[in-house]
């Protein structure tokens, strides 16, 4: 959910929804713990309380995930990274996103 009452474009909403589902799948596969899941949801625009509520819902659901091949996992993670990049760039703006990437690459 975007900050400051900005209207969300259809493309942004679709990509955010897809990323939300990918995070849920990662959580179900125990690739994310509770704290990481809350942090990732906050990154894409959810508040702390809403993110915690969503993760609690995920914990309560009975997950019946099928086995995943290495190829499917690699594709899912690649798609997740691409969507994260798009969401961050849209939320931060082009200049701030470039500064963020420069700082991140120095670590």
PDB file of N, CA and C in Angstrom:
ATOM      1  N   UNK A   1       0.838  -1.167   0.000  1.00  0.00           N
ATOM      2  CA  UNK A   1       0.000   0.000   0.000  1.00  0.00           C
ATOM      3  C   UNK A   1       0.887   1.237   0.000  1.00  0.00           C
ATOM      4  N   UNK A   2       0.705   2.097  -0.949  1.00  0.00           N
ATOM      5  CA  UNK A   2       1.579   3.267  -1.055  1.00  0.00           C
ATOM      6  C   UNK A   2       1.365   4.263   0.080  1.00  0.00           C
ATOM      7  N   UNK A   3       2.377   5.049   0.349  1.00  0.00           N
ATOM      8  CA  UNK A   3       2.341   6.051   1.402  1.00  0.00           C
ATOM      9  C   UNK A   3       1.647   7.317   0.920  1.00  0.00           C
ATOM     10  N   UNK A   4       1.271   8.165   1.867  1.00  0.00           N
ATOM     11  CA  UNK A   4       0.801   9.524   1.631  1.00  0.00           C
ATOM     12  C   UNK A   4      -0.411   9.605   0.720  1.00  0.00           C
ATOM     13  N   UNK A   5      -1.244   8.599   0.722  1.00  0.00           N
ATOM     14  CA  UNK A   5      -2.479   8.668  -0.025  1.00  0.00           C
ATOM     15  C   UNK A   5      -2.341   8.673  -1.531  1.00  0.00           C
ATOM     16  N   UNK A   6      -1.222   8.258  -2.052  1.00  0.00           N
ATOM     17  CA  UNK A   6      -1.039   8.217  -3.495  1.00  0.00           C
ATOM     18  C   UNK A   6      -1.905   7.121  -4.095  1.00  0.00           C
ATOM     19  N   UNK A   7      -2.369   7.367  -5.290  1.00  0.00           N
ATOM     20  CA  UNK A   7      -3.173   6.377  -5.985  1.00  0.00           C
ATOM     21  C   UNK A   7      -2.244   5.303  -6.533  1.00  0.00           C
ATOM     22  N   UNK A   8      -2.649   4.050  -6.358  1.00  0.00           N
ATOM     23  CA  UNK A   8      -1.832   2.929  -6.800  1.00  0.00           C
ATOM     24  C   UNK A   8      -2.229   2.561  -8.230  1.00  0.00           C
ATOM     25  N   UNK A   9      -1.245   2.457  -9.115  1.00  0.00           N
ATOM     26  CA  UNK A   9      -1.541   2.061 -10.481  1.00  0.00           C
ATOM     27  C   UNK A   9      -1.884   0.571 -10.527  1.00  0.00           C
ATOM     28  N   UNK A  10      -2.557   0.179 -11.584  1.00  0.00           N
ATOM     29  CA  UNK A  10      -2.947  -1.223 -11.738  1.00  0.00           C
ATOM     30  C   UNK A  10      -1.710  -2.121 -11.808  1.00  0.00           C
ATOM     31  N   UNK A  11      -0.688  -1.685 -12.532  1.00  0.00           N
ATOM     32  CA  UNK A  11       0.541  -2.460 -12.665  1.00  0.00           C
ATOM     33  C   UNK A  11       1.225  -2.637 -11.313  1.00  0.00           C
ATOM     34  N   UNK A  12       1.325  -1.546 -10.563  1.00  0.00           N
ATOM     35  CA  UNK A  12       1.946  -1.595  -9.247  1.00  0.00           C
ATOM     36  C   UNK A  12       1.183  -2.561  -8.340  1.00  0.00           C
ATOM     37  N   UNK A  13      -0.145  -2.465  -8.346  1.00  0.00           N
ATOM     38  CA  UNK A  13      -0.971  -3.331  -7.519  1.00  0.00           C
ATOM     39  C   UNK A  13      -0.766  -4.801  -7.887  1.00  0.00           C
ATOM     40  N   UNK A  14      -0.753  -5.111  -9.176  1.00  0.00           N
ATOM     41  CA  UNK A  14      -0.583  -6.495  -9.618  1.00  0.00           C
ATOM     42  C   UNK A  14       0.774  -7.044  -9.201  1.00  0.00           C
ATOM     43  N   UNK A  15       1.818  -6.229  -9.362  1.00  0.00           N
ATOM     44  CA  UNK A  15       3.158  -6.680  -8.990  1.00  0.00           C
ATOM     45  C   UNK A  15       3.284  -6.819  -7.481  1.00  0.00           C
ATOM     46  N   UNK A  16       2.679  -5.908  -6.739  1.00  0.00           N
ATOM     47  CA  UNK A  16       2.714  -6.007  -5.281  1.00  0.00           C
ATOM     48  C   UNK A  16       1.974  -7.263  -4.816  1.00  0.00           C
ATOM     49  N   UNK A  17       0.848  -7.549  -5.432  1.00  0.00           N
ATOM     50  CA  UNK A  17       0.075  -8.740  -5.077  1.00  0.00           C
ATOM     51  C   UNK A  17       0.854 -10.017  -5.383  1.00  0.00           C
ATOM     52  N   UNK A  18       1.519 -10.051  -6.530  1.00  0.00           N
ATOM     53  CA  UNK A  18       2.320 -11.217  -6.910  1.00  0.00           C
ATOM     54  C   UNK A  18       3.481 -11.402  -5.926  1.00  0.00           C
ATOM     55  N   UNK A  19       4.136 -10.303  -5.556  1.00  0.00           N
ATOM     56  CA  UNK A  19       5.240 -10.372  -4.604  1.00  0.00           C
ATOM     57  C   UNK A  19       4.735 -10.842  -3.235  1.00  0.00           C
ATOM     58  N   UNK A  20       3.564 -10.371  -2.829  1.00  0.00           N
ATOM     59  CA  UNK A  20       2.955 -10.804  -1.574  1.00  0.00           C
ATOM     60  C   UNK A  20       2.761 -12.319  -1.571  1.00  0.00           C
ATOM     61  N   UNK A  21       2.265 -12.871  -2.680  1.00  0.00           N
ATOM     62  CA  UNK A  21       2.053 -14.316  -2.790  1.00  0.00           C
ATOM     63  C   UNK A  21       3.376 -15.081  -2.772  1.00  0.00           C
ATOM     64  N   UNK A  22       4.403 -14.514  -3.395  1.00  0.00           N
ATOM     65  CA  UNK A  22       5.720 -15.164  -3.381  1.00  0.00           C
ATOM     66  C   UNK A  22       6.307 -15.184  -1.973  1.00  0.00           C
ATOM     67  N   UNK A  23       6.116 -14.086  -1.228  1.00  0.00           N
ATOM     68  CA  UNK A  23       6.574 -14.058   0.163  1.00  0.00           C
ATOM     69  C   UNK A  23       5.820 -15.085   0.997  1.00  0.00           C
ATOM     70  N   UNK A  24       4.521 -15.211   0.765  1.00  0.00           N
ATOM     71  CA  UNK A  24       3.737 -16.191   1.499  1.00  0.00           C
ATOM     72  C   UNK A  24       4.236 -17.603   1.189  1.00  0.00           C
ATOM     73  N   UNK A  25       4.532 -17.858  -0.069  1.00  0.00           N
ATOM     74  CA  UNK A  25       5.049 -19.172  -0.447  1.00  0.00           C
ATOM     75  C   UNK A  25       6.403 -19.440   0.201  1.00  0.00           C
ATOM     76  N   UNK A  26       7.270 -18.438   0.230  1.00  0.00           N
ATOM     77  CA  UNK A  26       8.569 -18.584   0.882  1.00  0.00           C
ATOM     78  C   UNK A  26       8.404 -18.858   2.373  1.00  0.00           C
ATOM     79  N   UNK A  27       7.449 -18.181   2.991  1.00  0.00           N
ATOM     80  CA  UNK A  27       7.189 -18.403   4.418  1.00  0.00           C
ATOM     81  C   UNK A  27       6.679 -19.822   4.644  1.00  0.00           C
ATOM     82  N   UNK A  28       5.774 -20.271   3.784  1.00  0.00           N
ATOM     83  CA  UNK A  28       5.241 -21.627   3.911  1.00  0.00           C
ATOM     84  C   UNK A  28       6.323 -22.688   3.738  1.00  0.00           C
ATOM     85  N   UNK A  29       7.323 -22.394   2.939  1.00  0.00           N
ATOM     86  CA  UNK A  29       8.421 -23.329   2.702  1.00  0.00           C
ATOM     87  C   UNK A  29       9.547 -23.163   3.725  1.00  0.00           C
ATOM     88  N   UNK A  30       9.308 -22.356   4.749  1.00  0.00           N
ATOM     89  CA  UNK A  30      10.266 -22.102   5.828  1.00  0.00           C
ATOM     90  C   UNK A  30      11.558 -21.463   5.346  1.00  0.00           C
ATOM     91  N   UNK A  31      11.484 -20.675   4.283  1.00  0.00           N
ATOM     92  CA  UNK A  31      12.633 -19.921   3.803  1.00  0.00           C
ATOM     93  C   UNK A  31      12.719 -18.567   4.499  1.00  0.00           C
ATOM     94  N   UNK A  32      11.604 -18.111   5.061  1.00  0.00           N
ATOM     95  CA  UNK A  32      11.545 -16.867   5.836  1.00  0.00           C
ATOM     96  C   UNK A  32      11.038 -17.199   7.226  1.00  0.00           C
ATOM     97  N   UNK A  33      11.635 -16.575   8.250  1.00  0.00           N
ATOM     98  CA  UNK A  33      11.059 -16.721   9.580  1.00  0.00           C
ATOM     99  C   UNK A  33      10.080 -15.569   9.805  1.00  0.00           C
ATOM    100  N   UNK A  34       9.464 -15.513  10.952  1.00  0.00           N
ATOM    101  CA  UNK A  34       8.415 -14.528  11.224  1.00  0.00           C
ATOM    102  C   UNK A  34       8.949 -13.105  11.102  1.00  0.00           C
ATOM    103  N   UNK A  35      10.097 -12.850  11.717  1.00  0.00           N
ATOM    104  CA  UNK A  35      10.663 -11.492  11.705  1.00  0.00           C
ATOM    105  C   UNK A  35      11.010 -11.055  10.276  1.00  0.00           C
ATOM    106  N   UNK A  36      11.620 -11.941   9.503  1.00  0.00           N
ATOM    107  CA  UNK A  36      11.955 -11.616   8.112  1.00  0.00           C
ATOM    108  C   UNK A  36      10.701 -11.371   7.277  1.00  0.00           C
ATOM    109  N   UNK A  37       9.664 -12.169   7.507  1.00  0.00           N
ATOM    110  CA  UNK A  37       8.420 -12.010   6.749  1.00  0.00           C
ATOM    111  C   UNK A  37       7.782 -10.655   7.044  1.00  0.00           C
ATOM    112  N   UNK A  38       7.772 -10.251   8.304  1.00  0.00           N
ATOM    113  CA  UNK A  38       7.214  -8.944   8.663  1.00  0.00           C
ATOM    114  C   UNK A  38       8.024  -7.830   8.021  1.00  0.00           C
ATOM    115  N   UNK A  39       9.334  -7.947   8.049  1.00  0.00           N
ATOM    116  CA  UNK A  39      10.199  -6.934   7.444  1.00  0.00           C
ATOM    117  C   UNK A  39       9.970  -6.830   5.938  1.00  0.00           C
ATOM    118  N   UNK A  40       9.833  -7.960   5.270  1.00  0.00           N
ATOM    119  CA  UNK A  40       9.622  -7.911   3.813  1.00  0.00           C
ATOM    120  C   UNK A  40       8.274  -7.289   3.474  1.00  0.00           C
ATOM    121  N   UNK A  41       7.255  -7.571   4.275  1.00  0.00           N
ATOM    122  CA  UNK A  41       5.950  -6.955   4.019  1.00  0.00           C
ATOM    123  C   UNK A  41       5.982  -5.458   4.282  1.00  0.00           C
ATOM    124  N   UNK A  42       6.737  -5.036   5.295  1.00  0.00           N
ATOM    125  CA  UNK A  42       6.884  -3.605   5.544  1.00  0.00           C
ATOM    126  C   UNK A  42       7.598  -2.934   4.370  1.00  0.00           C
ATOM    127  N   UNK A  43       8.548  -3.642   3.767  1.00  0.00           N
ATOM    128  CA  UNK A  43       9.301  -3.092   2.642  1.00  0.00           C
ATOM    129  C   UNK A  43       8.390  -2.794   1.449  1.00  0.00           C
ATOM    130  N   UNK A  44       7.358  -3.618   1.251  1.00  0.00           N
ATOM    131  CA  UNK A  44       6.499  -3.397   0.095  1.00  0.00           C
ATOM    132  C   UNK A  44       5.292  -2.520   0.416  1.00  0.00           C
ATOM    133  N   UNK A  45       5.245  -1.955   1.632  1.00  0.00           N
ATOM    134  CA  UNK A  45       4.245  -0.943   1.906  1.00  0.00           C
ATOM    135  C   UNK A  45       3.232  -1.238   2.983  1.00  0.00           C
ATOM    136  N   UNK A  46       3.317  -2.366   3.655  1.00  0.00           N
ATOM    137  CA  UNK A  46       2.385  -2.670   4.730  1.00  0.00           C
ATOM    138  C   UNK A  46       2.890  -2.064   6.025  1.00  0.00           C
ATOM    139  N   UNK A  47       1.972  -1.687   6.907  1.00  0.00           N
ATOM    140  CA  UNK A  47       2.375  -1.169   8.216  1.00  0.00           C
ATOM    141  C   UNK A  47       2.809  -2.340   9.094  1.00  0.00           C
ATOM    142  N   UNK A  48       3.446  -2.023  10.200  1.00  0.00           N
ATOM    143  CA  UNK A  48       3.943  -3.055  11.124  1.00  0.00           C
ATOM    144  C   UNK A  48       2.807  -3.953  11.616  1.00  0.00           C
ATOM    145  N   UNK A  49       1.701  -3.349  12.017  1.00  0.00           N
ATOM    146  CA  UNK A  49       0.593  -4.138  12.571  1.00  0.00           C
ATOM    147  C   UNK A  49      -0.075  -5.006  11.503  1.00  0.00           C
ATOM    148  N   UNK A  50      -0.277  -4.471  10.311  1.00  0.00           N
ATOM    149  CA  UNK A  50      -0.902  -5.249   9.233  1.00  0.00           C
ATOM    150  C   UNK A  50       0.025  -6.392   8.816  1.00  0.00           C
ATOM    151  N   UNK A  51       1.324  -6.103   8.718  1.00  0.00           N
ATOM    152  CA  UNK A  51       2.289  -7.143   8.349  1.00  0.00           C
ATOM    153  C   UNK A  51       2.287  -8.266   9.381  1.00  0.00           C
ATOM    154  N   UNK A  52       2.267  -7.909  10.659  1.00  0.00           N
ATOM    155  CA  UNK A  52       2.246  -8.924  11.720  1.00  0.00           C
ATOM    156  C   UNK A  52       0.957  -9.749  11.653  1.00  0.00           C
ATOM    157  N   UNK A  53      -0.155  -9.096  11.340  1.00  0.00           N
ATOM    158  CA  UNK A  53      -1.427  -9.808  11.210  1.00  0.00           C
ATOM    159  C   UNK A  53      -1.388 -10.795  10.057  1.00  0.00           C
ATOM    160  N   UNK A  54      -0.854 -10.368   8.922  1.00  0.00           N
ATOM    161  CA  UNK A  54      -0.768 -11.243   7.745  1.00  0.00           C
ATOM    162  C   UNK A  54       0.106 -12.468   8.035  1.00  0.00           C
ATOM    163  N   UNK A  55       1.238 -12.248   8.675  1.00  0.00           N
ATOM    164  CA  UNK A  55       2.144 -13.360   8.990  1.00  0.00           C
ATOM    165  C   UNK A  55       1.484 -14.312   9.982  1.00  0.00           C
ATOM    166  N   UNK A  56       0.748 -13.767  10.934  1.00  0.00           N
ATOM    167  CA  UNK A  56       0.024 -14.628  11.879  1.00  0.00           C
ATOM    168  C   UNK A  56      -1.017 -15.470  11.145  1.00  0.00           C
ATOM    169  N   UNK A  57      -1.677 -14.880  10.150  1.00  0.00           N
ATOM    170  CA  UNK A  57      -2.636 -15.642   9.334  1.00  0.00           C
ATOM    171  C   UNK A  57      -1.924 -16.756   8.579  1.00  0.00           C
ATOM    172  N   UNK A  58      -0.747 -16.456   8.047  1.00  0.00           N
ATOM    173  CA  UNK A  58       0.021 -17.459   7.308  1.00  0.00           C
ATOM    174  C   UNK A  58       0.395 -18.621   8.222  1.00  0.00           C
ATOM    175  N   UNK A  59       0.779 -18.303   9.463  1.00  0.00           N
ATOM    176  CA  UNK A  59       1.153 -19.355  10.413  1.00  0.00           C
ATOM    177  C   UNK A  59      -0.020 -20.263  10.714  1.00  0.00           C
ATOM    178  N   UNK A  60      -1.224 -19.680  10.787  1.00  0.00           N
ATOM    179  CA  UNK A  60      -2.401 -20.437  11.131  1.00  0.00           C
ATOM    180  C   UNK A  60      -2.945 -21.295  10.002  1.00  0.00           C
ATOM    181  N   UNK A  61      -2.536 -21.010   8.791  1.00  0.00           N
ATOM    182  CA  UNK A  61      -3.040 -21.772   7.649  1.00  0.00           C
ATOM    183  C   UNK A  61      -2.348 -23.124   7.557  1.00  0.00           C
ATOM    184  N   UNK A  62      -3.104 -24.085   7.118  1.00  0.00           N
ATOM    185  CA  UNK A  62      -2.547 -25.420   6.887  1.00  0.00           C
ATOM    186  C   UNK A  62      -1.905 -25.416   5.504  1.00  0.00           C
ATOM    187  N   UNK A  63      -0.588 -25.515   5.458  1.00  0.00           N
ATOM    188  CA  UNK A  63       0.075 -25.458   4.151  1.00  0.00           C
ATOM    189  C   UNK A  63       0.292 -26.864   3.599  1.00  0.00           C
ATOM    190  N   UNK A  64      -0.138 -27.045   2.384  1.00  0.00           N
ATOM    191  CA  UNK A  64       0.040 -28.323   1.691  1.00  0.00           C
ATOM    192  C   UNK A  64       0.795 -28.045   0.390  1.00  0.00           C
ATOM    193  N   UNK A  65       1.994 -27.558   0.526  1.00  0.00           N
ATOM    194  CA  UNK A  65       2.809 -27.229  -0.641  1.00  0.00           C
ATOM    195  C   UNK A  65       3.400 -28.487  -1.238  1.00  0.00           C
ATOM    196  N   UNK A  66       3.410 -28.537  -2.542  1.00  0.00           N
ATOM    197  CA  UNK A  66       4.022 -29.653  -3.251  1.00  0.00           C
ATOM    198  C   UNK A  66       5.534 -29.451  -3.286  1.00  0.00           C
ATOM    199  N   UNK A  67       6.243 -30.528  -3.559  1.00  0.00           N
ATOM    200  CA  UNK A  67       7.690 -30.435  -3.692  1.00  0.00           C
ATOM    201  C   UNK A  67       8.028 -29.516  -4.863  1.00  0.00           C
ATOM    202  N   UNK A  68       9.134 -28.825  -4.728  1.00  0.00           N
ATOM    203  CA  UNK A  68       9.554 -27.856  -5.729  1.00  0.00           C
ATOM    204  C   UNK A  68      10.908 -28.289  -6.291  1.00  0.00           C
ATOM    205  N   UNK A  69      11.035 -28.282  -7.608  1.00  0.00           N
ATOM    206  CA  UNK A  69      12.316 -28.622  -8.214  1.00  0.00           C
ATOM    207  C   UNK A  69      13.268 -27.440  -8.080  1.00  0.00           C
ATOM    208  N   UNK A  70      14.549 -27.702  -8.284  1.00  0.00           N
ATOM    209  CA  UNK A  70      15.539 -26.622  -8.220  1.00  0.00           C
ATOM    210  C   UNK A  70      15.259 -25.557  -9.270  1.00  0.00           C
ATOM    211  N   UNK A  71      14.826 -25.993 -10.436  1.00  0.00           N
ATOM    212  CA  UNK A  71      14.527 -25.042 -11.509  1.00  0.00           C
ATOM    213  C   UNK A  71      13.355 -24.127 -11.123  1.00  0.00           C
ATOM    214  N   UNK A  72      12.302 -24.700 -10.554  1.00  0.00           N
ATOM    215  CA  UNK A  72      11.151 -23.902 -10.122  1.00  0.00           C
ATOM    216  C   UNK A  72      11.541 -22.935  -9.005  1.00  0.00           C
ATOM    217  N   UNK A  73      12.379 -23.411  -8.090  1.00  0.00           N
ATOM    218  CA  UNK A  73      12.825 -22.555  -6.989  1.00  0.00           C
ATOM    219  C   UNK A  73      13.662 -21.395  -7.516  1.00  0.00           C
ATOM    220  N   UNK A  74      14.571 -21.688  -8.435  1.00  0.00           N
ATOM    221  CA  UNK A  74      15.413 -20.649  -9.013  1.00  0.00           C
ATOM    222  C   UNK A  74      14.560 -19.604  -9.740  1.00  0.00           C
ATOM    223  N   UNK A  75      13.549 -20.074 -10.478  1.00  0.00           N
ATOM    224  CA  UNK A  75      12.655 -19.163 -11.195  1.00  0.00           C
ATOM    225  C   UNK A  75      11.851 -18.302 -10.223  1.00  0.00           C
ATOM    226  N   UNK A  76      11.347 -18.913  -9.157  1.00  0.00           N
ATOM    227  CA  UNK A  76      10.568 -18.179  -8.160  1.00  0.00           C
ATOM    228  C   UNK A  76      11.408 -17.104  -7.482  1.00  0.00           C
ATOM    229  N   UNK A  77      12.639 -17.445  -7.116  1.00  0.00           N
ATOM    230  CA  UNK A  77      13.513 -16.473  -6.463  1.00  0.00           C
ATOM    231  C   UNK A  77      13.928 -15.344  -7.410  1.00  0.00           C
ATOM    232  N   UNK A  78      14.135 -15.684  -8.676  1.00  0.00           N
ATOM    233  CA  UNK A  78      14.477 -14.672  -9.671  1.00  0.00           C
ATOM    234  C   UNK A  78      13.312 -13.702  -9.875  1.00  0.00           C
ATOM    235  N   UNK A  79      12.106 -14.243  -9.961  1.00  0.00           N
ATOM    236  CA  UNK A  79      10.918 -13.402 -10.112  1.00  0.00           C
ATOM    237  C   UNK A  79      10.717 -12.525  -8.879  1.00  0.00           C
ATOM    238  N   UNK A  80      10.958 -13.088  -7.705  1.00  0.00           N
ATOM    239  CA  UNK A  80      10.832 -12.334  -6.456  1.00  0.00           C
ATOM    240  C   UNK A  80      11.807 -11.163  -6.435  1.00  0.00           C
ATOM    241  N   UNK A  81      13.056 -11.397  -6.826  1.00  0.00           N
ATOM    242  CA  UNK A  81      14.060 -10.334  -6.847  1.00  0.00           C
ATOM    243  C   UNK A  81      13.679  -9.235  -7.834  1.00  0.00           C
ATOM    244  N   UNK A  82      13.158  -9.631  -8.981  1.00  0.00           N
ATOM    245  CA  UNK A  82      12.741  -8.664  -9.985  1.00  0.00           C
ATOM    246  C   UNK A  82      11.594  -7.792  -9.476  1.00  0.00           C
ATOM    247  N   UNK A  83      10.621  -8.405  -8.835  1.00  0.00           N
ATOM    248  CA  UNK A  83       9.490  -7.648  -8.304  1.00  0.00           C
ATOM    249  C   UNK A  83       9.920  -6.735  -7.155  1.00  0.00           C
ATOM    250  N   UNK A  84      10.835  -7.214  -6.311  1.00  0.00           N
ATOM    251  CA  UNK A  84      11.353  -6.380  -5.225  1.00  0.00           C
ATOM    252  C   UNK A  84      12.036  -5.140  -5.788  1.00  0.00           C
ATOM    253  N   UNK A  85      12.802  -5.333  -6.833  1.00  0.00           N
ATOM    254  CA  UNK A  85      13.498  -4.212  -7.471  1.00  0.00           C
ATOM    255  C   UNK A  85      12.488  -3.193  -7.990  1.00  0.00           C
ATOM    256  N   UNK A  86      11.440  -3.654  -8.642  1.00  0.00           N
ATOM    257  CA  UNK A  86      10.413  -2.761  -9.180  1.00  0.00           C
ATOM    258  C   UNK A  86       9.718  -1.996  -8.051  1.00  0.00           C
ATOM    259  N   UNK A  87       9.307  -2.708  -7.017  1.00  0.00           N
ATOM    260  CA  UNK A  87       8.579  -2.075  -5.908  1.00  0.00           C
ATOM    261  C   UNK A  87       9.465  -1.043  -5.211  1.00  0.00           C
ATOM    262  N   UNK A  88      10.707  -1.397  -4.931  1.00  0.00           N
ATOM    263  CA  UNK A  88      11.615  -0.445  -4.281  1.00  0.00           C
ATOM    264  C   UNK A  88      11.856   0.781  -5.145  1.00  0.00           C
ATOM    265  N   UNK A  89      12.036   0.556  -6.423  1.00  0.00           N
ATOM    266  CA  UNK A  89      12.289   1.688  -7.318  1.00  0.00           C
ATOM    267  C   UNK A  89      11.080   2.621  -7.368  1.00  0.00           C
ATOM    268  N   UNK A  90       9.896   2.063  -7.387  1.00  0.00           N
ATOM    269  CA  UNK A  90       8.691   2.892  -7.420  1.00  0.00           C
ATOM    270  C   UNK A  90       8.487   3.626  -6.091  1.00  0.00           C
ATOM    271  N   UNK A  91       8.778   2.974  -4.984  1.00  0.00           N
ATOM    272  CA  UNK A  91       8.581   3.605  -3.671  1.00  0.00           C
ATOM    273  C   UNK A  91       9.637   4.660  -3.371  1.00  0.00           C
ATOM    274  N   UNK A  92      10.881   4.395  -3.760  1.00  0.00           N
ATOM    275  CA  UNK A  92      11.969   5.321  -3.439  1.00  0.00           C
ATOM    276  C   UNK A  92      12.168   6.401  -4.492  1.00  0.00           C
ATOM    277  N   UNK A  93      11.799   6.132  -5.709  1.00  0.00           N
ATOM    278  CA  UNK A  93      12.098   7.054  -6.797  1.00  0.00           C
ATOM    279  C   UNK A  93      13.426   6.666  -7.419  1.00  0.00           C
ATOM    280  N   UNK A  94      13.651   7.118  -8.629  1.00  0.00           N
ATOM    281  CA  UNK A  94      14.837   6.704  -9.387  1.00  0.00           C
ATOM    282  C   UNK A  94      16.143   7.105  -8.710  1.00  0.00           C
ATOM    283  N   UNK A  95      16.245   8.361  -8.279  1.00  0.00           N
ATOM    284  CA  UNK A  95      17.501   8.845  -7.691  1.00  0.00           C
ATOM    285  C   UNK A  95      17.805   8.160  -6.363  1.00  0.00           C
ATOM    286  N   UNK A  96      16.831   8.084  -5.483  1.00  0.00           N
ATOM    287  CA  UNK A  96      17.042   7.451  -4.177  1.00  0.00           C
ATOM    288  C   UNK A  96      17.323   5.961  -4.337  1.00  0.00           C
ATOM    289  N   UNK A  97      16.674   5.327  -5.311  1.00  0.00           N
ATOM    290  CA  UNK A  97      16.914   3.907  -5.548  1.00  0.00           C
ATOM    291  C   UNK A  97      18.354   3.684  -5.991  1.00  0.00           C
ATOM    292  N   UNK A  98      18.868   4.543  -6.880  1.00  0.00           N
ATOM    293  CA  UNK A  98      20.259   4.411  -7.333  1.00  0.00           C
ATOM    294  C   UNK A  98      21.221   4.614  -6.167  1.00  0.00           C
ATOM    295  N   UNK A  99      20.939   5.582  -5.287  1.00  0.00           N
ATOM    296  CA  UNK A  99      21.770   5.787  -4.095  1.00  0.00           C
ATOM    297  C   UNK A  99      21.745   4.538  -3.207  1.00  0.00           C
ATOM    298  N   UNK A 100      20.554   3.971  -3.039  1.00  0.00           N
ATOM    299  CA  UNK A 100      20.393   2.756  -2.226  1.00  0.00           C
ATOM    300  C   UNK A 100      21.205   1.617  -2.794  1.00  0.00           C
ATOM    301  N   UNK A 101      21.169   1.428  -4.111  1.00  0.00           N
ATOM    302  CA  UNK A 101      21.907   0.336  -4.744  1.00  0.00           C
ATOM    303  C   UNK A 101      23.421   0.547  -4.618  1.00  0.00           C
ATOM    304  N   UNK A 102      23.877   1.788  -4.725  1.00  0.00           N
ATOM    305  CA  UNK A 102      25.305   2.081  -4.562  1.00  0.00           C
ATOM    306  C   UNK A 102      25.736   1.748  -3.137  1.00  0.00           C
ATOM    307  N   UNK A 103      24.952   2.168  -2.151  1.00  0.00           N
ATOM    308  CA  UNK A 103      25.276   1.877  -0.750  1.00  0.00           C
ATOM    309  C   UNK A 103      25.245   0.376  -0.489  1.00  0.00           C
ATOM    310  N   UNK A 104      24.284  -0.289  -1.076  1.00  0.00           N
ATOM    311  CA  UNK A 104      24.150  -1.737  -0.878  1.00  0.00           C
ATOM    312  C   UNK A 104      25.326  -2.485  -1.481  1.00  0.00           C
ATOM    313  N   UNK A 105      25.816  -2.030  -2.633  1.00  0.00           N
ATOM    314  CA  UNK A 105      26.921  -2.723  -3.305  1.00  0.00           C
ATOM    315  C   UNK A 105      28.253  -2.546  -2.551  1.00  0.00           C
ATOM    316  N   UNK A 106      28.362  -1.524  -1.719  1.00  0.00           N
ATOM    317  CA  UNK A 106      29.594  -1.284  -0.962  1.00  0.00           C
ATOM    318  C   UNK A 106      29.753  -2.219   0.207  1.00  0.00           C
ATOM    319  N   UNK A 107      28.700  -2.899   0.631  1.00  0.00           N
ATOM    320  CA  UNK A 107      28.776  -3.798   1.808  1.00  0.00           C
ATOM    321  C   UNK A 107      29.543  -5.039   1.525  1.00  0.00           C
TER     322      UNK A 107
END
